[in-house]
Amino acid sequence: MRTFNLRATDEYIKLGQVLKAVGFVESGVDAKDVILQGMVQVNGEVVYQRGKKCYDGDVITFEEQSLLIKK
């Protein structure tokens, strides 16, 4: 499992932003597409909101890859 470290000043990161930041997708448009297709899970539940806020401890799963959000 990979990890993504939030900046010290941030409480959360939006789902579309983190998918792009870690290279799961190439662009914000690609992030929107995979999220709307139901291909992304947060903490084991399919999420359809690109703006979903991801906090410390959340686990994002996409194409059999997992990512842990850490503060």
PDB file of N, CA and C in Angstrom:
ATOM      1  N   MET A   1       0.856  -1.183   0.000  1.00  0.00           N
ATOM      2  CA  MET A   1       0.000   0.000   0.000  1.00  0.00           C
ATOM      3  C   MET A   1       0.897   1.240   0.000  1.00  0.00           C
ATOM      4  N   ARG A   2       0.569   2.150  -0.886  1.00  0.00           N
ATOM      5  CA  ARG A   2       1.275   3.429  -0.950  1.00  0.00           C
ATOM      6  C   ARG A   2       0.667   4.398   0.057  1.00  0.00           C
ATOM      7  N   THR A   3       1.408   5.450   0.358  1.00  0.00           N
ATOM      8  CA  THR A   3       0.876   6.484   1.246  1.00  0.00           C
ATOM      9  C   THR A   3       0.976   7.849   0.570  1.00  0.00           C
ATOM     10  N   PHE A   4       0.067   8.714   0.937  1.00  0.00           N
ATOM     11  CA  PHE A   4       0.080  10.106   0.486  1.00  0.00           C
ATOM     12  C   PHE A   4       0.051  10.961   1.735  1.00  0.00           C
ATOM     13  N   ASN A   5       1.056  11.811   1.894  1.00  0.00           N
ATOM     14  CA  ASN A   5       1.140  12.670   3.073  1.00  0.00           C
ATOM     15  C   ASN A   5       0.510  14.029   2.801  1.00  0.00           C
ATOM     16  N   LEU A   6      -0.478  14.349   3.617  1.00  0.00           N
ATOM     17  CA  LEU A   6      -1.088  15.673   3.553  1.00  0.00           C
ATOM     18  C   LEU A   6      -0.079  16.707   4.037  1.00  0.00           C
ATOM     19  N   ARG A   7      -0.155  17.902   3.490  1.00  0.00           N
ATOM     20  CA  ARG A   7       0.682  18.984   4.001  1.00  0.00           C
ATOM     21  C   ARG A   7       0.251  19.289   5.426  1.00  0.00           C
ATOM     22  N   ALA A   8       1.176  19.767   6.219  1.00  0.00           N
ATOM     23  CA  ALA A   8       0.908  20.040   7.639  1.00  0.00           C
ATOM     24  C   ALA A   8      -0.261  21.005   7.833  1.00  0.00           C
ATOM     25  N   THR A   9      -0.474  21.894   6.867  1.00  0.00           N
ATOM     26  CA  THR A   9      -1.536  22.891   6.996  1.00  0.00           C
ATOM     27  C   THR A   9      -2.883  22.405   6.468  1.00  0.00           C
ATOM     28  N   ASP A  10      -2.911  21.243   5.819  1.00  0.00           N
ATOM     29  CA  ASP A  10      -4.145  20.742   5.214  1.00  0.00           C
ATOM     30  C   ASP A  10      -4.849  19.733   6.110  1.00  0.00           C
ATOM     31  N   GLU A  11      -6.174  19.849   6.188  1.00  0.00           N
ATOM     32  CA  GLU A  11      -7.000  18.892   6.919  1.00  0.00           C
ATOM     33  C   GLU A  11      -7.397  17.727   6.016  1.00  0.00           C
ATOM     34  N   TYR A  12      -7.532  18.011   4.707  1.00  0.00           N
ATOM     35  CA  TYR A  12      -8.012  17.006   3.755  1.00  0.00           C
ATOM     36  C   TYR A  12      -7.484  17.331   2.369  1.00  0.00           C
ATOM     37  N   ILE A  13      -7.707  16.376   1.445  1.00  0.00           N
ATOM     38  CA  ILE A  13      -7.468  16.604   0.024  1.00  0.00           C
ATOM     39  C   ILE A  13      -8.666  16.035  -0.710  1.00  0.00           C
ATOM     40  N   LYS A  14      -9.062  16.678  -1.785  1.00  0.00           N
ATOM     41  CA  LYS A  14     -10.205  16.191  -2.554  1.00  0.00           C
ATOM     42  C   LYS A  14      -9.788  14.969  -3.371  1.00  0.00           C
ATOM     43  N   LEU A  15     -10.723  14.057  -3.540  1.00  0.00           N
ATOM     44  CA  LEU A  15     -10.453  12.780  -4.195  1.00  0.00           C
ATOM     45  C   LEU A  15      -9.848  12.953  -5.577  1.00  0.00           C
ATOM     46  N   GLY A  16     -10.421  13.792  -6.409  1.00  0.00           N
ATOM     47  CA  GLY A  16      -9.887  14.006  -7.754  1.00  0.00           C
ATOM     48  C   GLY A  16      -8.455  14.510  -7.730  1.00  0.00           C
ATOM     49  N   GLN A  17      -8.152  15.372  -6.769  1.00  0.00           N
ATOM     50  CA  GLN A  17      -6.801  15.927  -6.656  1.00  0.00           C
ATOM     51  C   GLN A  17      -5.786  14.865  -6.267  1.00  0.00           C
ATOM     52  N   VAL A  18      -6.151  14.001  -5.338  1.00  0.00           N
ATOM     53  CA  VAL A  18      -5.196  12.983  -4.891  1.00  0.00           C
ATOM     54  C   VAL A  18      -4.964  11.928  -5.972  1.00  0.00           C
ATOM     55  N   LEU A  19      -5.995  11.582  -6.722  1.00  0.00           N
ATOM     56  CA  LEU A  19      -5.803  10.611  -7.820  1.00  0.00           C
ATOM     57  C   LEU A  19      -4.794  11.143  -8.828  1.00  0.00           C
ATOM     58  N   LYS A  20      -4.895  12.415  -9.110  1.00  0.00           N
ATOM     59  CA  LYS A  20      -3.965  13.050 -10.040  1.00  0.00           C
ATOM     60  C   LYS A  20      -2.575  13.205  -9.423  1.00  0.00           C
ATOM     61  N   ALA A  21      -2.495  13.598  -8.166  1.00  0.00           N
ATOM     62  CA  ALA A  21      -1.217  13.838  -7.498  1.00  0.00           C
ATOM     63  C   ALA A  21      -0.340  12.595  -7.418  1.00  0.00           C
ATOM     64  N   VAL A  22      -0.956  11.432  -7.230  1.00  0.00           N
ATOM     65  CA  VAL A  22      -0.161  10.201  -7.097  1.00  0.00           C
ATOM     66  C   VAL A  22       0.030   9.483  -8.426  1.00  0.00           C
ATOM     67  N   GLY A  23      -0.561  10.026  -9.483  1.00  0.00           N
ATOM     68  CA  GLY A  23      -0.365   9.443 -10.803  1.00  0.00           C
ATOM     69  C   GLY A  23      -1.301   8.311 -11.152  1.00  0.00           C
ATOM     70  N   PHE A  24      -2.385   8.136 -10.396  1.00  0.00           N
ATOM     71  CA  PHE A  24      -3.372   7.121 -10.755  1.00  0.00           C
ATOM     72  C   PHE A  24      -4.057   7.502 -12.066  1.00  0.00           C
ATOM     73  N   VAL A  25      -4.200   8.809 -12.304  1.00  0.00           N
ATOM     74  CA  VAL A  25      -4.775   9.327 -13.551  1.00  0.00           C
ATOM     75  C   VAL A  25      -3.891  10.473 -14.041  1.00  0.00           C
ATOM     76  N   GLU A  26      -4.049  10.824 -15.317  1.00  0.00           N
ATOM     77  CA  GLU A  26      -3.229  11.872 -15.927  1.00  0.00           C
ATOM     78  C   GLU A  26      -3.754  13.291 -15.680  1.00  0.00           C
ATOM     79  N   SER A  27      -5.072  13.428 -15.595  1.00  0.00           N
ATOM     80  CA  SER A  27      -5.641  14.774 -15.500  1.00  0.00           C
ATOM     81  C   SER A  27      -6.900  14.776 -14.643  1.00  0.00           C
ATOM     82  N   GLY A  28      -7.375  15.973 -14.359  1.00  0.00           N
ATOM     83  CA  GLY A  28      -8.621  16.117 -13.620  1.00  0.00           C
ATOM     84  C   GLY A  28      -9.807  15.542 -14.371  1.00  0.00           C
ATOM     85  N   VAL A  29      -9.783  15.650 -15.688  1.00  0.00           N
ATOM     86  CA  VAL A  29     -10.858  15.075 -16.516  1.00  0.00           C
ATOM     87  C   VAL A  29     -10.861  13.557 -16.385  1.00  0.00           C
ATOM     88  N   ASP A  30      -9.670  12.950 -16.413  1.00  0.00           N
ATOM     89  CA  ASP A  30      -9.577  11.501 -16.235  1.00  0.00           C
ATOM     90  C   ASP A  30     -10.064  11.088 -14.853  1.00  0.00           C
ATOM     91  N   ALA A  31      -9.720  11.876 -13.836  1.00  0.00           N
ATOM     92  CA  ALA A  31     -10.178  11.582 -12.473  1.00  0.00           C
ATOM     93  C   ALA A  31     -11.701  11.605 -12.417  1.00  0.00           C
ATOM     94  N   LYS A  32     -12.294  12.627 -13.007  1.00  0.00           N
ATOM     95  CA  LYS A  32     -13.756  12.736 -13.029  1.00  0.00           C
ATOM     96  C   LYS A  32     -14.373  11.512 -13.693  1.00  0.00           C
ATOM     97  N   ASP A  33     -13.800  11.089 -14.812  1.00  0.00           N
ATOM     98  CA  ASP A  33     -14.339   9.939 -15.544  1.00  0.00           C
ATOM     99  C   ASP A  33     -14.293   8.656 -14.730  1.00  0.00           C
ATOM    100  N   VAL A  34     -13.142   8.344 -14.132  1.00  0.00           N
ATOM    101  CA  VAL A  34     -13.040   7.082 -13.386  1.00  0.00           C
ATOM    102  C   VAL A  34     -13.902   7.108 -12.126  1.00  0.00           C
ATOM    103  N   ILE A  35     -14.049   8.276 -11.518  1.00  0.00           N
ATOM    104  CA  ILE A  35     -14.905   8.388 -10.338  1.00  0.00           C
ATOM    105  C   ILE A  35     -16.367   8.184 -10.732  1.00  0.00           C
ATOM    106  N   LEU A  36     -16.818   8.847 -11.791  1.00  0.00           N
ATOM    107  CA  LEU A  36     -18.214   8.716 -12.226  1.00  0.00           C
ATOM    108  C   LEU A  36     -18.537   7.313 -12.723  1.00  0.00           C
ATOM    109  N   GLN A  37     -17.534   6.576 -13.185  1.00  0.00           N
ATOM    110  CA  GLN A  37     -17.728   5.190 -13.631  1.00  0.00           C
ATOM    111  C   GLN A  37     -17.745   4.204 -12.459  1.00  0.00           C
ATOM    112  N   GLY A  38     -17.550   4.703 -11.247  1.00  0.00           N
ATOM    113  CA  GLY A  38     -17.595   3.842 -10.068  1.00  0.00           C
ATOM    114  C   GLY A  38     -16.349   2.996  -9.884  1.00  0.00           C
ATOM    115  N   MET A  39     -15.233   3.467 -10.406  1.00  0.00           N
ATOM    116  CA  MET A  39     -13.991   2.701 -10.349  1.00  0.00           C
ATOM    117  C   MET A  39     -13.137   3.017  -9.119  1.00  0.00           C
ATOM    118  N   VAL A  40     -13.586   3.937  -8.269  1.00  0.00           N
ATOM    119  CA  VAL A  40     -12.793   4.380  -7.122  1.00  0.00           C
ATOM    120  C   VAL A  40     -13.575   4.117  -5.837  1.00  0.00           C
ATOM    121  N   GLN A  41     -12.851   3.583  -4.839  1.00  0.00           N
ATOM    122  CA  GLN A  41     -13.447   3.354  -3.529  1.00  0.00           C
ATOM    123  C   GLN A  41     -12.684   4.155  -2.480  1.00  0.00           C
ATOM    124  N   VAL A  42     -13.421   4.637  -1.501  1.00  0.00           N
ATOM    125  CA  VAL A  42     -12.822   5.265  -0.326  1.00  0.00           C
ATOM    126  C   VAL A  42     -13.320   4.470   0.872  1.00  0.00           C
ATOM    127  N   ASN A  43     -12.385   3.912   1.608  1.00  0.00           N
ATOM    128  CA  ASN A  43     -12.698   3.079   2.774  1.00  0.00           C
ATOM    129  C   ASN A  43     -13.666   1.953   2.430  1.00  0.00           C
ATOM    130  N   GLY A  44     -13.471   1.352   1.252  1.00  0.00           N
ATOM    131  CA  GLY A  44     -14.255   0.187   0.844  1.00  0.00           C
ATOM    132  C   GLY A  44     -15.592   0.485   0.205  1.00  0.00           C
ATOM    133  N   GLU A  45     -15.948   1.750   0.067  1.00  0.00           N
ATOM    134  CA  GLU A  45     -17.223   2.116  -0.541  1.00  0.00           C
ATOM    135  C   GLU A  45     -16.992   2.884  -1.831  1.00  0.00           C
ATOM    136  N   VAL A  46     -17.734   2.531  -2.871  1.00  0.00           N
ATOM    137  CA  VAL A  46     -17.630   3.230  -4.144  1.00  0.00           C
ATOM    138  C   VAL A  46     -18.093   4.670  -3.953  1.00  0.00           C
ATOM    139  N   VAL A  47     -17.310   5.590  -4.500  1.00  0.00           N
ATOM    140  CA  VAL A  47     -17.605   7.017  -4.375  1.00  0.00           C
ATOM    141  C   VAL A  47     -17.797   7.601  -5.771  1.00  0.00           C
ATOM    142  N   TYR A  48     -18.805   8.445  -5.933  1.00  0.00           N
ATOM    143  CA  TYR A  48     -19.103   9.070  -7.224  1.00  0.00           C
ATOM    144  C   TYR A  48     -18.882  10.580  -7.189  1.00  0.00           C
ATOM    145  N   GLN A  49     -18.295  11.096  -6.101  1.00  0.00           N
ATOM    146  CA  GLN A  49     -18.080  12.536  -5.947  1.00  0.00           C
ATOM    147  C   GLN A  49     -16.604  12.869  -6.137  1.00  0.00           C
ATOM    148  N   ARG A  50     -16.289  13.598  -7.154  1.00  0.00           N
ATOM    149  CA  ARG A  50     -14.902  14.002  -7.405  1.00  0.00           C
ATOM    150  C   ARG A  50     -14.386  14.891  -6.278  1.00  0.00           C
ATOM    151  N   GLY A  51     -15.271  15.666  -5.666  1.00  0.00           N
ATOM    152  CA  GLY A  51     -14.883  16.576  -4.602  1.00  0.00           C
ATOM    153  C   GLY A  51     -14.927  15.964  -3.211  1.00  0.00           C
ATOM    154  N   LYS A  52     -15.098  14.649  -3.126  1.00  0.00           N
ATOM    155  CA  LYS A  52     -15.119  13.964  -1.825  1.00  0.00           C
ATOM    156  C   LYS A  52     -13.851  14.314  -1.054  1.00  0.00           C
ATOM    157  N   LYS A  53     -13.997  14.722   0.186  1.00  0.00           N
ATOM    158  CA  LYS A  53     -12.853  15.088   1.015  1.00  0.00           C
ATOM    159  C   LYS A  53     -12.249  13.836   1.634  1.00  0.00           C
ATOM    160  N   CYS A  54     -10.942  13.676   1.453  1.00  0.00           N
ATOM    161  CA  CYS A  54     -10.224  12.529   1.990  1.00  0.00           C
ATOM    162  C   CYS A  54      -9.347  13.007   3.141  1.00  0.00           C
ATOM    163  N   TYR A  55      -9.514  12.362   4.287  1.00  0.00           N
ATOM    164  CA  TYR A  55      -8.833  12.767   5.512  1.00  0.00           C
ATOM    165  C   TYR A  55      -7.788  11.737   5.933  1.00  0.00           C
ATOM    166  N   ASP A  56      -7.007  12.099   6.932  1.00  0.00           N
ATOM    167  CA  ASP A  56      -6.018  11.218   7.527  1.00  0.00           C
ATOM    168  C   ASP A  56      -6.658   9.862   7.877  1.00  0.00           C
ATOM    169  N   GLY A  57      -6.048   8.797   7.408  1.00  0.00           N
ATOM    170  CA  GLY A  57      -6.543   7.451   7.698  1.00  0.00           C
ATOM    171  C   GLY A  57      -7.434   6.866   6.624  1.00  0.00           C
ATOM    172  N   ASP A  58      -7.907   7.679   5.689  1.00  0.00           N
ATOM    173  CA  ASP A  58      -8.734   7.151   4.602  1.00  0.00           C
ATOM    174  C   ASP A  58      -7.884   6.308   3.655  1.00  0.00           C
ATOM    175  N   VAL A  59      -8.502   5.252   3.117  1.00  0.00           N
ATOM    176  CA  VAL A  59      -7.836   4.387   2.147  1.00  0.00           C
ATOM    177  C   VAL A  59      -8.586   4.485   0.821  1.00  0.00           C
ATOM    178  N   ILE A  60      -7.862   4.857  -0.218  1.00  0.00           N
ATOM    179  CA  ILE A  60      -8.426   4.983  -1.558  1.00  0.00           C
ATOM    180  C   ILE A  60      -7.970   3.781  -2.374  1.00  0.00           C
ATOM    181  N   THR A  61      -8.906   3.150  -3.070  1.00  0.00           N
ATOM    182  CA  THR A  61      -8.584   1.999  -3.911  1.00  0.00           C
ATOM    183  C   THR A  61      -8.999   2.291  -5.337  1.00  0.00           C
ATOM    184  N   PHE A  62      -8.069   2.027  -6.271  1.00  0.00           N
ATOM    185  CA  PHE A  62      -8.316   2.231  -7.693  1.00  0.00           C
ATOM    186  C   PHE A  62      -7.508   1.198  -8.461  1.00  0.00           C
ATOM    187  N   GLU A  63      -8.184   0.413  -9.307  1.00  0.00           N
ATOM    188  CA  GLU A  63      -7.534  -0.611 -10.131  1.00  0.00           C
ATOM    189  C   GLU A  63      -6.556  -1.465  -9.329  1.00  0.00           C
ATOM    190  N   GLU A  64      -7.041  -2.029  -8.233  1.00  0.00           N
ATOM    191  CA  GLU A  64      -6.265  -2.933  -7.379  1.00  0.00           C
ATOM    192  C   GLU A  64      -5.048  -2.271  -6.738  1.00  0.00           C
ATOM    193  N   GLN A  65      -5.003  -0.950  -6.720  1.00  0.00           N
ATOM    194  CA  GLN A  65      -3.962  -0.206  -6.028  1.00  0.00           C
ATOM    195  C   GLN A  65      -4.605   0.497  -4.843  1.00  0.00           C
ATOM    196  N   SER A  66      -3.910   0.486  -3.711  1.00  0.00           N
ATOM    197  CA  SER A  66      -4.430   1.144  -2.523  1.00  0.00           C
ATOM    198  C   SER A  66      -3.509   2.278  -2.097  1.00  0.00           C
ATOM    199  N   LEU A  67      -4.123   3.289  -1.538  1.00  0.00           N
ATOM    200  CA  LEU A  67      -3.405   4.483  -1.124  1.00  0.00           C
ATOM    201  C   LEU A  67      -3.937   4.920   0.237  1.00  0.00           C
ATOM    202  N   LEU A  68      -3.045   5.086   1.207  1.00  0.00           N
ATOM    203  CA  LEU A  68      -3.412   5.541   2.542  1.00  0.00           C
ATOM    204  C   LEU A  68      -3.100   7.021   2.664  1.00  0.00           C
ATOM    205  N   ILE A  69      -4.083   7.801   3.118  1.00  0.00           N
ATOM    206  CA  ILE A  69      -3.883   9.224   3.356  1.00  0.00           C
ATOM    207  C   ILE A  69      -3.355   9.389   4.775  1.00  0.00           C
ATOM    208  N   LYS A  70      -2.244  10.110   4.905  1.00  0.00           N
ATOM    209  CA  LYS A  70      -1.641  10.332   6.220  1.00  0.00           C
ATOM    210  C   LYS A  70      -1.418  11.816   6.447  1.00  0.00           C
ATOM    211  N   LYS A  71      -1.544  12.228   7.679  1.00  0.00           N
ATOM    212  CA  LYS A  71      -1.319  13.625   8.077  1.00  0.00           C
ATOM    213  C   LYS A  71       0.141  13.806   8.417  1.00  0.00           C
TER     214      LYS A  71
END
